[in-house]
mmCIF file of all heavy atoms, coordinates in Angstrom:
data_MODEL
# 
_entry.id   MODEL 
# 
loop_
_atom_site.group_PDB 
_atom_site.id 
_atom_site.type_symbol 
_atom_site.label_atom_id 
_atom_site.label_alt_id 
_atom_site.label_comp_id 
_atom_site.label_asym_id 
_atom_site.label_entity_id 
_atom_site.label_seq_id 
_atom_site.pdbx_PDB_ins_code 
_atom_site.Cartn_x 
_atom_site.Cartn_y 
_atom_site.Cartn_z 
_atom_site.occupancy 
_atom_site.B_iso_or_equiv 
_atom_site.pdbx_formal_charge 
_atom_site.auth_seq_id 
_atom_site.auth_comp_id 
_atom_site.auth_asym_id 
_atom_site.auth_atom_id 
_atom_site.pdbx_PDB_model_num 
ATOM 1   N N   . GLY A 1 1  ? 9.885   11.337 14.491  1.00 0.00 ? 1  GLY A N   1 
ATOM 2   C CA  . GLY A 1 1  ? 10.437  10.091 13.972  1.00 0.00 ? 1  GLY A CA  1 
ATOM 3   C C   . GLY A 1 1  ? 9.623   9.542  12.825  1.00 0.00 ? 1  GLY A C   1 
ATOM 4   O O   . GLY A 1 1  ? 10.166  9.034  11.839  1.00 0.00 ? 1  GLY A O   1 
ATOM 5   N N   . LEU A 1 2  ? 8.315   9.627  12.905  1.00 0.00 ? 2  LEU A N   1 
ATOM 6   C CA  . LEU A 1 2  ? 7.447   9.143  11.830  1.00 0.00 ? 2  LEU A CA  1 
ATOM 7   C C   . LEU A 1 2  ? 7.646   9.944  10.569  1.00 0.00 ? 2  LEU A C   1 
ATOM 8   O O   . LEU A 1 2  ? 7.721   9.380  9.460   1.00 0.00 ? 2  LEU A O   1 
ATOM 9   C CB  . LEU A 1 2  ? 5.980   9.229  12.278  1.00 0.00 ? 2  LEU A CB  1 
ATOM 10  C CG  . LEU A 1 2  ? 4.932   8.794  11.230  1.00 0.00 ? 2  LEU A CG  1 
ATOM 11  C CD1 . LEU A 1 2  ? 5.164   7.339  10.838  1.00 0.00 ? 2  LEU A CD1 1 
ATOM 12  C CD2 . LEU A 1 2  ? 3.523   8.992  11.774  1.00 0.00 ? 2  LEU A CD2 1 
ATOM 13  N N   . VAL A 1 3  ? 7.754   11.263 10.683  1.00 0.00 ? 3  VAL A N   1 
ATOM 14  C CA  . VAL A 1 3  ? 7.997   12.103 9.511   1.00 0.00 ? 3  VAL A CA  1 
ATOM 15  C C   . VAL A 1 3  ? 9.320   11.732 8.863   1.00 0.00 ? 3  VAL A C   1 
ATOM 16  O O   . VAL A 1 3  ? 9.437   11.647 7.629   1.00 0.00 ? 3  VAL A O   1 
ATOM 17  C CB  . VAL A 1 3  ? 7.983   13.596 9.903   1.00 0.00 ? 3  VAL A CB  1 
ATOM 18  C CG1 . VAL A 1 3  ? 8.466   14.457 8.746   1.00 0.00 ? 3  VAL A CG1 1 
ATOM 19  C CG2 . VAL A 1 3  ? 6.578   14.005 10.327  1.00 0.00 ? 3  VAL A CG2 1 
ATOM 20  N N   . ALA A 1 4  ? 10.357  11.493 9.673   1.00 0.00 ? 4  ALA A N   1 
ATOM 21  C CA  . ALA A 1 4  ? 11.657  11.120 9.130   1.00 0.00 ? 4  ALA A CA  1 
ATOM 22  C C   . ALA A 1 4  ? 11.577  9.811  8.371   1.00 0.00 ? 4  ALA A C   1 
ATOM 23  O O   . ALA A 1 4  ? 12.161  9.652  7.292   1.00 0.00 ? 4  ALA A O   1 
ATOM 24  C CB  . ALA A 1 4  ? 12.687  11.026 10.261  1.00 0.00 ? 4  ALA A CB  1 
ATOM 25  N N   . VAL A 1 5  ? 10.844  8.828  8.923   1.00 0.00 ? 5  VAL A N   1 
ATOM 26  C CA  . VAL A 1 5  ? 10.689  7.541  8.245   1.00 0.00 ? 5  VAL A CA  1 
ATOM 27  C C   . VAL A 1 5  ? 9.954   7.712  6.925   1.00 0.00 ? 5  VAL A C   1 
ATOM 28  O O   . VAL A 1 5  ? 10.323  7.130  5.896   1.00 0.00 ? 5  VAL A O   1 
ATOM 29  C CB  . VAL A 1 5  ? 9.947   6.545  9.158   1.00 0.00 ? 5  VAL A CB  1 
ATOM 30  C CG1 . VAL A 1 5  ? 9.547   5.302  8.372   1.00 0.00 ? 5  VAL A CG1 1 
ATOM 31  C CG2 . VAL A 1 5  ? 10.821  6.162  10.341  1.00 0.00 ? 5  VAL A CG2 1 
ATOM 32  N N   . LEU A 1 6  ? 8.896   8.520  6.921   1.00 0.00 ? 6  LEU A N   1 
ATOM 33  C CA  . LEU A 1 6  ? 8.137   8.738  5.692   1.00 0.00 ? 6  LEU A CA  1 
ATOM 34  C C   . LEU A 1 6  ? 9.008   9.381  4.621   1.00 0.00 ? 6  LEU A C   1 
ATOM 35  O O   . LEU A 1 6  ? 8.910   9.057  3.437   1.00 0.00 ? 6  LEU A O   1 
ATOM 36  C CB  . LEU A 1 6  ? 6.924   9.613  5.985   1.00 0.00 ? 6  LEU A CB  1 
ATOM 37  C CG  . LEU A 1 6  ? 5.800   8.940  6.785   1.00 0.00 ? 6  LEU A CG  1 
ATOM 38  C CD1 . LEU A 1 6  ? 4.716   9.955  7.116   1.00 0.00 ? 6  LEU A CD1 1 
ATOM 39  C CD2 . LEU A 1 6  ? 5.207   7.757  6.023   1.00 0.00 ? 6  LEU A CD2 1 
ATOM 40  N N   . ARG A 1 7  ? 9.890   10.303 5.020   1.00 0.00 ? 7  ARG A N   1 
ATOM 41  C CA  . ARG A 1 7  ? 10.755  10.970 4.051   1.00 0.00 ? 7  ARG A CA  1 
ATOM 42  C C   . ARG A 1 7  ? 11.785  9.996  3.471   1.00 0.00 ? 7  ARG A C   1 
ATOM 43  O O   . ARG A 1 7  ? 12.202  10.142 2.337   1.00 0.00 ? 7  ARG A O   1 
ATOM 44  C CB  . ARG A 1 7  ? 11.450  12.158 4.710   1.00 0.00 ? 7  ARG A CB  1 
ATOM 45  C CG  . ARG A 1 7  ? 10.518  13.354 4.910   1.00 0.00 ? 7  ARG A CG  1 
ATOM 46  C CD  . ARG A 1 7  ? 11.221  14.489 5.616   1.00 0.00 ? 7  ARG A CD  1 
ATOM 47  N NE  . ARG A 1 7  ? 10.356  15.657 5.755   1.00 0.00 ? 7  ARG A NE  1 
ATOM 48  C CZ  . ARG A 1 7  ? 10.650  16.720 6.498   1.00 0.00 ? 7  ARG A CZ  1 
ATOM 49  N NH1 . ARG A 1 7  ? 11.789  16.759 7.161   1.00 0.00 ? 7  ARG A NH1 1 
ATOM 50  N NH2 . ARG A 1 7  ? 9.814   17.730 6.568   1.00 0.00 ? 7  ARG A NH2 1 
ATOM 51  N N   . LEU A 1 8  ? 12.209  9.034  4.281   1.00 0.00 ? 8  LEU A N   1 
ATOM 52  C CA  . LEU A 1 8  ? 13.205  8.085  3.814   1.00 0.00 ? 8  LEU A CA  1 
ATOM 53  C C   . LEU A 1 8  ? 12.598  6.983  2.969   1.00 0.00 ? 8  LEU A C   1 
ATOM 54  O O   . LEU A 1 8  ? 13.304  6.340  2.201   1.00 0.00 ? 8  LEU A O   1 
ATOM 55  C CB  . LEU A 1 8  ? 13.941  7.474  5.019   1.00 0.00 ? 8  LEU A CB  1 
ATOM 56  C CG  . LEU A 1 8  ? 14.927  8.397  5.737   1.00 0.00 ? 8  LEU A CG  1 
ATOM 57  C CD1 . LEU A 1 8  ? 15.431  7.724  7.004   1.00 0.00 ? 8  LEU A CD1 1 
ATOM 58  C CD2 . LEU A 1 8  ? 16.095  8.759  4.828   1.00 0.00 ? 8  LEU A CD2 1 
ATOM 59  N N   . SER A 1 9  ? 11.298  6.738  3.119   1.00 0.00 ? 9  SER A N   1 
ATOM 60  C CA  . SER A 1 9  ? 10.667  5.650  2.372   1.00 0.00 ? 9  SER A CA  1 
ATOM 61  C C   . SER A 1 9  ? 10.513  6.047  0.916   1.00 0.00 ? 9  SER A C   1 
ATOM 62  O O   . SER A 1 9  ? 10.201  7.184  0.575   1.00 0.00 ? 9  SER A O   1 
ATOM 63  C CB  . SER A 1 9  ? 9.303   5.313  2.973   1.00 0.00 ? 9  SER A CB  1 
ATOM 64  O OG  . SER A 1 9  ? 8.433   6.430  2.845   1.00 0.00 ? 9  SER A OG  1 
ATOM 65  N N   . ALA A 1 10 ? 10.783  5.076  0.021   1.00 0.00 ? 10 ALA A N   1 
ATOM 66  C CA  . ALA A 1 10 ? 10.678  5.336  -1.411  1.00 0.00 ? 10 ALA A CA  1 
ATOM 67  C C   . ALA A 1 10 ? 9.231   5.233  -1.855  1.00 0.00 ? 10 ALA A C   1 
ATOM 68  O O   . ALA A 1 10 ? 8.461   4.418  -1.348  1.00 0.00 ? 10 ALA A O   1 
ATOM 69  C CB  . ALA A 1 10 ? 11.540  4.341  -2.176  1.00 0.00 ? 10 ALA A CB  1 
ATOM 70  N N   . ALA A 1 11 ? 8.869   6.055  -2.809  1.00 0.00 ? 11 ALA A N   1 
ATOM 71  C CA  . ALA A 1 11 ? 7.511   6.045  -3.344  1.00 0.00 ? 11 ALA A CA  1 
ATOM 72  C C   . ALA A 1 11 ? 7.527   5.579  -4.786  1.00 0.00 ? 11 ALA A C   1 
ATOM 73  O O   . ALA A 1 11 ? 8.479   5.824  -5.526  1.00 0.00 ? 11 ALA A O   1 
ATOM 74  C CB  . ALA A 1 11 ? 6.901   7.446  -3.254  1.00 0.00 ? 11 ALA A CB  1 
ATOM 75  N N   . ASP A 1 12 ? 6.474   4.881  -5.193  1.00 0.00 ? 12 ASP A N   1 
ATOM 76  C CA  . ASP A 1 12 ? 6.255   4.499  -6.582  1.00 0.00 ? 12 ASP A CA  1 
ATOM 77  C C   . ASP A 1 12 ? 5.215   5.444  -7.164  1.00 0.00 ? 12 ASP A C   1 
ATOM 78  O O   . ASP A 1 12 ? 4.064   5.481  -6.702  1.00 0.00 ? 12 ASP A O   1 
ATOM 79  C CB  . ASP A 1 12 ? 5.772   3.050  -6.678  1.00 0.00 ? 12 ASP A CB  1 
ATOM 80  C CG  . ASP A 1 12 ? 6.856   2.058  -6.314  1.00 0.00 ? 12 ASP A CG  1 
ATOM 81  O OD1 . ASP A 1 12 ? 7.957   2.168  -6.880  1.00 0.00 ? 12 ASP A OD1 1 
ATOM 82  O OD2 . ASP A 1 12 ? 6.611   1.183  -5.459  1.00 0.00 ? 12 ASP A OD2 1 
ATOM 83  N N   . LEU A 1 13 ? 5.641   6.223  -8.160  1.00 0.00 ? 13 LEU A N   1 
ATOM 84  C CA  . LEU A 1 13 ? 4.757   7.190  -8.807  1.00 0.00 ? 13 LEU A CA  1 
ATOM 85  C C   . LEU A 1 13 ? 4.398   6.664  -10.193 1.00 0.00 ? 13 LEU A C   1 
ATOM 86  O O   . LEU A 1 13 ? 5.274   6.238  -10.949 1.00 0.00 ? 13 LEU A O   1 
ATOM 87  C CB  . LEU A 1 13 ? 5.446   8.545  -8.924  1.00 0.00 ? 13 LEU A CB  1 
ATOM 88  C CG  . LEU A 1 13 ? 6.054   9.110  -7.629  1.00 0.00 ? 13 LEU A CG  1 
ATOM 89  C CD1 . LEU A 1 13 ? 6.815   10.392 -7.926  1.00 0.00 ? 13 LEU A CD1 1 
ATOM 90  C CD2 . LEU A 1 13 ? 4.976   9.352  -6.600  1.00 0.00 ? 13 LEU A CD2 1 
ATOM 91  N N   . HIS A 1 14 ? 3.120   6.703  -10.547 1.00 0.00 ? 14 HIS A N   1 
ATOM 92  C CA  . HIS A 1 14 ? 2.655   6.122  -11.807 1.00 0.00 ? 14 HIS A CA  1 
ATOM 93  C C   . HIS A 1 14 ? 2.107   7.217  -12.724 1.00 0.00 ? 14 HIS A C   1 
ATOM 94  O O   . HIS A 1 14 ? 1.446   8.155  -12.269 1.00 0.00 ? 14 HIS A O   1 
ATOM 95  C CB  . HIS A 1 14 ? 1.585   5.070  -11.535 1.00 0.00 ? 14 HIS A CB  1 
ATOM 96  C CG  . HIS A 1 14 ? 2.114   3.887  -10.771 1.00 0.00 ? 14 HIS A CG  1 
ATOM 97  N ND1 . HIS A 1 14 ? 2.629   2.782  -11.386 1.00 0.00 ? 14 HIS A ND1 1 
ATOM 98  C CD2 . HIS A 1 14 ? 2.222   3.674  -9.421  1.00 0.00 ? 14 HIS A CD2 1 
ATOM 99  C CE1 . HIS A 1 14 ? 3.043   1.915  -10.471 1.00 0.00 ? 14 HIS A CE1 1 
ATOM 100 N NE2 . HIS A 1 14 ? 2.796   2.431  -9.271  1.00 0.00 ? 14 HIS A NE2 1 
ATOM 101 N N   . VAL A 1 15 ? 2.389   7.057  -14.020 1.00 0.00 ? 15 VAL A N   1 
ATOM 102 C CA  . VAL A 1 15 ? 1.953   8.029  -15.022 1.00 0.00 ? 15 VAL A CA  1 
ATOM 103 C C   . VAL A 1 15 ? 1.073   7.321  -16.038 1.00 0.00 ? 15 VAL A C   1 
ATOM 104 O O   . VAL A 1 15 ? 1.499   6.354  -16.687 1.00 0.00 ? 15 VAL A O   1 
ATOM 105 C CB  . VAL A 1 15 ? 3.153   8.672  -15.740 1.00 0.00 ? 15 VAL A CB  1 
ATOM 106 C CG1 . VAL A 1 15 ? 2.668   9.735  -16.730 1.00 0.00 ? 15 VAL A CG1 1 
ATOM 107 C CG2 . VAL A 1 15 ? 4.128   9.276  -14.745 1.00 0.00 ? 15 VAL A CG2 1 
ATOM 108 N N   . ASP A 1 16 ? -0.153  7.803  -16.182 1.00 0.00 ? 16 ASP A N   1 
ATOM 109 C CA  . ASP A 1 16 ? -1.100  7.272  -17.169 1.00 0.00 ? 16 ASP A CA  1 
ATOM 110 C C   . ASP A 1 16 ? -1.675  8.447  -17.933 1.00 0.00 ? 16 ASP A C   1 
ATOM 111 O O   . ASP A 1 16 ? -2.464  9.226  -17.393 1.00 0.00 ? 16 ASP A O   1 
ATOM 112 C CB  . ASP A 1 16 ? -2.222  6.497  -16.470 1.00 0.00 ? 16 ASP A CB  1 
ATOM 113 C CG  . ASP A 1 16 ? -3.143  5.794  -17.458 1.00 0.00 ? 16 ASP A CG  1 
ATOM 114 O OD1 . ASP A 1 16 ? -3.311  6.290  -18.601 1.00 0.00 ? 16 ASP A OD1 1 
ATOM 115 O OD2 . ASP A 1 16 ? -3.715  4.745  -17.096 1.00 0.00 ? 16 ASP A OD2 1 
ATOM 116 N N   . PRO A 1 17 ? -1.280  8.631  -19.227 1.00 0.00 ? 17 PRO A N   1 
ATOM 117 C CA  . PRO A 1 17 ? -1.737  9.813  -19.976 1.00 0.00 ? 17 PRO A CA  1 
ATOM 118 C C   . PRO A 1 17 ? -3.222  9.788  -20.323 1.00 0.00 ? 17 PRO A C   1 
ATOM 119 O O   . PRO A 1 17 ? -3.757  10.804 -20.770 1.00 0.00 ? 17 PRO A O   1 
ATOM 120 C CB  . PRO A 1 17 ? -0.873  9.767  -21.240 1.00 0.00 ? 17 PRO A CB  1 
ATOM 121 C CG  . PRO A 1 17 ? -0.532  8.325  -21.409 1.00 0.00 ? 17 PRO A CG  1 
ATOM 122 C CD  . PRO A 1 17 ? -0.408  7.763  -20.031 1.00 0.00 ? 17 PRO A CD  1 
ATOM 123 N N   . VAL A 1 18 ? -3.873  8.674  -20.114 1.00 0.00 ? 18 VAL A N   1 
ATOM 124 C CA  . VAL A 1 18 ? -5.306  8.571  -20.417 1.00 0.00 ? 18 VAL A CA  1 
ATOM 125 C C   . VAL A 1 18 ? -6.134  8.662  -19.141 1.00 0.00 ? 18 VAL A C   1 
ATOM 126 O O   . VAL A 1 18 ? -7.010  9.518  -19.006 1.00 0.00 ? 18 VAL A O   1 
ATOM 127 C CB  . VAL A 1 18 ? -5.616  7.261  -21.171 1.00 0.00 ? 18 VAL A CB  1 
ATOM 128 C CG1 . VAL A 1 18 ? -7.116  7.123  -21.401 1.00 0.00 ? 18 VAL A CG1 1 
ATOM 129 C CG2 . VAL A 1 18 ? -4.864  7.207  -22.486 1.00 0.00 ? 18 VAL A CG2 1 
ATOM 130 N N   . ALA A 1 19 ? -5.865  7.786  -18.181 1.00 0.00 ? 19 ALA A N   1 
ATOM 131 C CA  . ALA A 1 19 ? -6.675  7.736  -16.961 1.00 0.00 ? 19 ALA A CA  1 
ATOM 132 C C   . ALA A 1 19 ? -6.099  8.575  -15.833 1.00 0.00 ? 19 ALA A C   1 
ATOM 133 O O   . ALA A 1 19 ? -6.755  8.742  -14.800 1.00 0.00 ? 19 ALA A O   1 
ATOM 134 C CB  . ALA A 1 19 ? -6.811  6.273  -16.500 1.00 0.00 ? 19 ALA A CB  1 
ATOM 135 N N   . GLY A 1 20 ? -4.893  9.108  -16.005 1.00 0.00 ? 20 GLY A N   1 
ATOM 136 C CA  . GLY A 1 20 ? -4.258  9.855  -14.930 1.00 0.00 ? 20 GLY A CA  1 
ATOM 137 C C   . GLY A 1 20 ? -4.826  11.245 -14.736 1.00 0.00 ? 20 GLY A C   1 
ATOM 138 O O   . GLY A 1 20 ? -5.531  11.785 -15.599 1.00 0.00 ? 20 GLY A O   1 
ATOM 139 N N   . ASP A 1 21 ? -4.505  11.824 -13.589 1.00 0.00 ? 21 ASP A N   1 
ATOM 140 C CA  . ASP A 1 21 ? -4.964  13.166 -13.235 1.00 0.00 ? 21 ASP A CA  1 
ATOM 141 C C   . ASP A 1 21 ? -3.817  13.866 -12.515 1.00 0.00 ? 21 ASP A C   1 
ATOM 142 O O   . ASP A 1 21 ? -3.313  13.367 -11.505 1.00 0.00 ? 21 ASP A O   1 
ATOM 143 C CB  . ASP A 1 21 ? -6.190  13.071 -12.324 1.00 0.00 ? 21 ASP A CB  1 
ATOM 144 C CG  . ASP A 1 21 ? -6.825  14.422 -12.048 1.00 0.00 ? 21 ASP A CG  1 
ATOM 145 O OD1 . ASP A 1 21 ? -6.124  15.458 -12.164 1.00 0.00 ? 21 ASP A OD1 1 
ATOM 146 O OD2 . ASP A 1 21 ? -8.024  14.461 -11.705 1.00 0.00 ? 21 ASP A OD2 1 
ATOM 147 N N   . ASP A 1 22 ? -3.381  15.019 -13.023 1.00 0.00 ? 22 ASP A N   1 
ATOM 148 C CA  . ASP A 1 22 ? -2.259  15.723 -12.416 1.00 0.00 ? 22 ASP A CA  1 
ATOM 149 C C   . ASP A 1 22 ? -2.595  16.316 -11.055 1.00 0.00 ? 22 ASP A C   1 
ATOM 150 O O   . ASP A 1 22 ? -1.704  16.840 -10.377 1.00 0.00 ? 22 ASP A O   1 
ATOM 151 C CB  . ASP A 1 22 ? -1.735  16.809 -13.361 1.00 0.00 ? 22 ASP A CB  1 
ATOM 152 C CG  . ASP A 1 22 ? -0.789  16.246 -14.404 1.00 0.00 ? 22 ASP A CG  1 
ATOM 153 O OD1 . ASP A 1 22 ? -0.391  15.070 -14.277 1.00 0.00 ? 22 ASP A OD1 1 
ATOM 154 O OD2 . ASP A 1 22 ? -0.444  16.972 -15.359 1.00 0.00 ? 22 ASP A OD2 1 
ATOM 155 N N   . ARG A 1 23 ? -3.845  16.225 -10.622 1.00 0.00 ? 23 ARG A N   1 
ATOM 156 C CA  . ARG A 1 23 ? -4.192  16.611 -9.255  1.00 0.00 ? 23 ARG A CA  1 
ATOM 157 C C   . ARG A 1 23 ? -3.919  15.474 -8.276  1.00 0.00 ? 23 ARG A C   1 
ATOM 158 O O   . ARG A 1 23 ? -3.956  15.668 -7.070  1.00 0.00 ? 23 ARG A O   1 
ATOM 159 C CB  . ARG A 1 23 ? -5.654  17.039 -9.173  1.00 0.00 ? 23 ARG A CB  1 
ATOM 160 C CG  . ARG A 1 23 ? -5.960  18.323 -9.953  1.00 0.00 ? 23 ARG A CG  1 
ATOM 161 C CD  . ARG A 1 23 ? -7.442  18.579 -10.042 1.00 0.00 ? 23 ARG A CD  1 
ATOM 162 N NE  . ARG A 1 23 ? -8.116  17.540 -10.824 1.00 0.00 ? 23 ARG A NE  1 
ATOM 163 C CZ  . ARG A 1 23 ? -9.415  17.520 -11.100 1.00 0.00 ? 23 ARG A CZ  1 
ATOM 164 N NH1 . ARG A 1 23 ? -10.193 18.510 -10.662 1.00 0.00 ? 23 ARG A NH1 1 
ATOM 165 N NH2 . ARG A 1 23 ? -9.942  16.545 -11.815 1.00 0.00 ? 23 ARG A NH2 1 
ATOM 166 N N   . SER A 1 24 ? -3.628  14.296 -8.815  1.00 0.00 ? 24 SER A N   1 
ATOM 167 C CA  . SER A 1 24 ? -3.323  13.143 -7.978  1.00 0.00 ? 24 SER A CA  1 
ATOM 168 C C   . SER A 1 24 ? -1.899  13.244 -7.449  1.00 0.00 ? 24 SER A C   1 
ATOM 169 O O   . SER A 1 24 ? -1.080  14.039 -7.929  1.00 0.00 ? 24 SER A O   1 
ATOM 170 C CB  . SER A 1 24 ? -3.510  11.861 -8.786  1.00 0.00 ? 24 SER A CB  1 
ATOM 171 O OG  . SER A 1 24 ? -3.065  10.737 -8.057  1.00 0.00 ? 24 SER A OG  1 
ATOM 172 N N   . ASP A 1 25 ? -1.570  12.383 -6.481  1.00 0.00 ? 25 ASP A N   1 
ATOM 173 C CA  . ASP A 1 25 ? -0.218  12.370 -5.928  1.00 0.00 ? 25 ASP A CA  1 
ATOM 174 C C   . ASP A 1 25 ? 0.673   11.342 -6.615  1.00 0.00 ? 25 ASP A C   1 
ATOM 175 O O   . ASP A 1 25 ? 1.849   11.204 -6.267  1.00 0.00 ? 25 ASP A O   1 
ATOM 176 C CB  . ASP A 1 25 ? -0.238  12.109 -4.422  1.00 0.00 ? 25 ASP A CB  1 
ATOM 177 C CG  . ASP A 1 25 ? -0.847  10.757 -4.056  1.00 0.00 ? 25 ASP A CG  1 
ATOM 178 O OD1 . ASP A 1 25 ? -1.179  9.970  -4.976  1.00 0.00 ? 25 ASP A OD1 1 
ATOM 179 O OD2 . ASP A 1 25 ? -0.992  10.478 -2.853  1.00 0.00 ? 25 ASP A OD2 1 
ATOM 180 N N   . GLY A 1 26 ? 0.135   10.603 -7.594  1.00 0.00 ? 26 GLY A N   1 
ATOM 181 C CA  . GLY A 1 26 ? 0.920   9.603  -8.295  1.00 0.00 ? 26 GLY A CA  1 
ATOM 182 C C   . GLY A 1 26 ? 1.052   8.295  -7.546  1.00 0.00 ? 26 GLY A C   1 
ATOM 183 O O   . GLY A 1 26 ? 1.487   7.296  -8.112  1.00 0.00 ? 26 GLY A O   1 
ATOM 184 N N   . ARG A 1 27 ? 0.696   8.286  -6.284  1.00 0.00 ? 27 ARG A N   1 
ATOM 185 C CA  . ARG A 1 27 ? 0.822   7.080  -5.460  1.00 0.00 ? 27 ARG A CA  1 
ATOM 186 C C   . ARG A 1 27 ? -0.526  6.397  -5.300  1.00 0.00 ? 27 ARG A C   1 
ATOM 187 O O   . ARG A 1 27 ? -0.679  5.223  -5.630  1.00 0.00 ? 27 ARG A O   1 
ATOM 188 C CB  . ARG A 1 27 ? 1.379   7.439  -4.078  1.00 0.00 ? 27 ARG A CB  1 
ATOM 189 C CG  . ARG A 1 27 ? 2.676   8.229  -4.111  1.00 0.00 ? 27 ARG A CG  1 
ATOM 190 C CD  . ARG A 1 27 ? 3.176   8.540  -2.717  1.00 0.00 ? 27 ARG A CD  1 
ATOM 191 N NE  . ARG A 1 27 ? 4.326   9.461  -2.758  1.00 0.00 ? 27 ARG A NE  1 
ATOM 192 C CZ  . ARG A 1 27 ? 5.124   9.697  -1.752  1.00 0.00 ? 27 ARG A CZ  1 
ATOM 193 N NH1 . ARG A 1 27 ? 4.927   9.083  -0.587  1.00 0.00 ? 27 ARG A NH1 1 
ATOM 194 N NH2 . ARG A 1 27 ? 6.140   10.534 -1.863  1.00 0.00 ? 27 ARG A NH2 1 
# 
C-alpha cells in the first residue's frame, strides 16, 4: 500500500544548470 501511494504522489523535479547535478533525483 505504501509503494502504491508513493507511485501516485506527484513529485516536483527541479533543474539548475549551474548548481544542479544529474546524479541527483531532482527532488
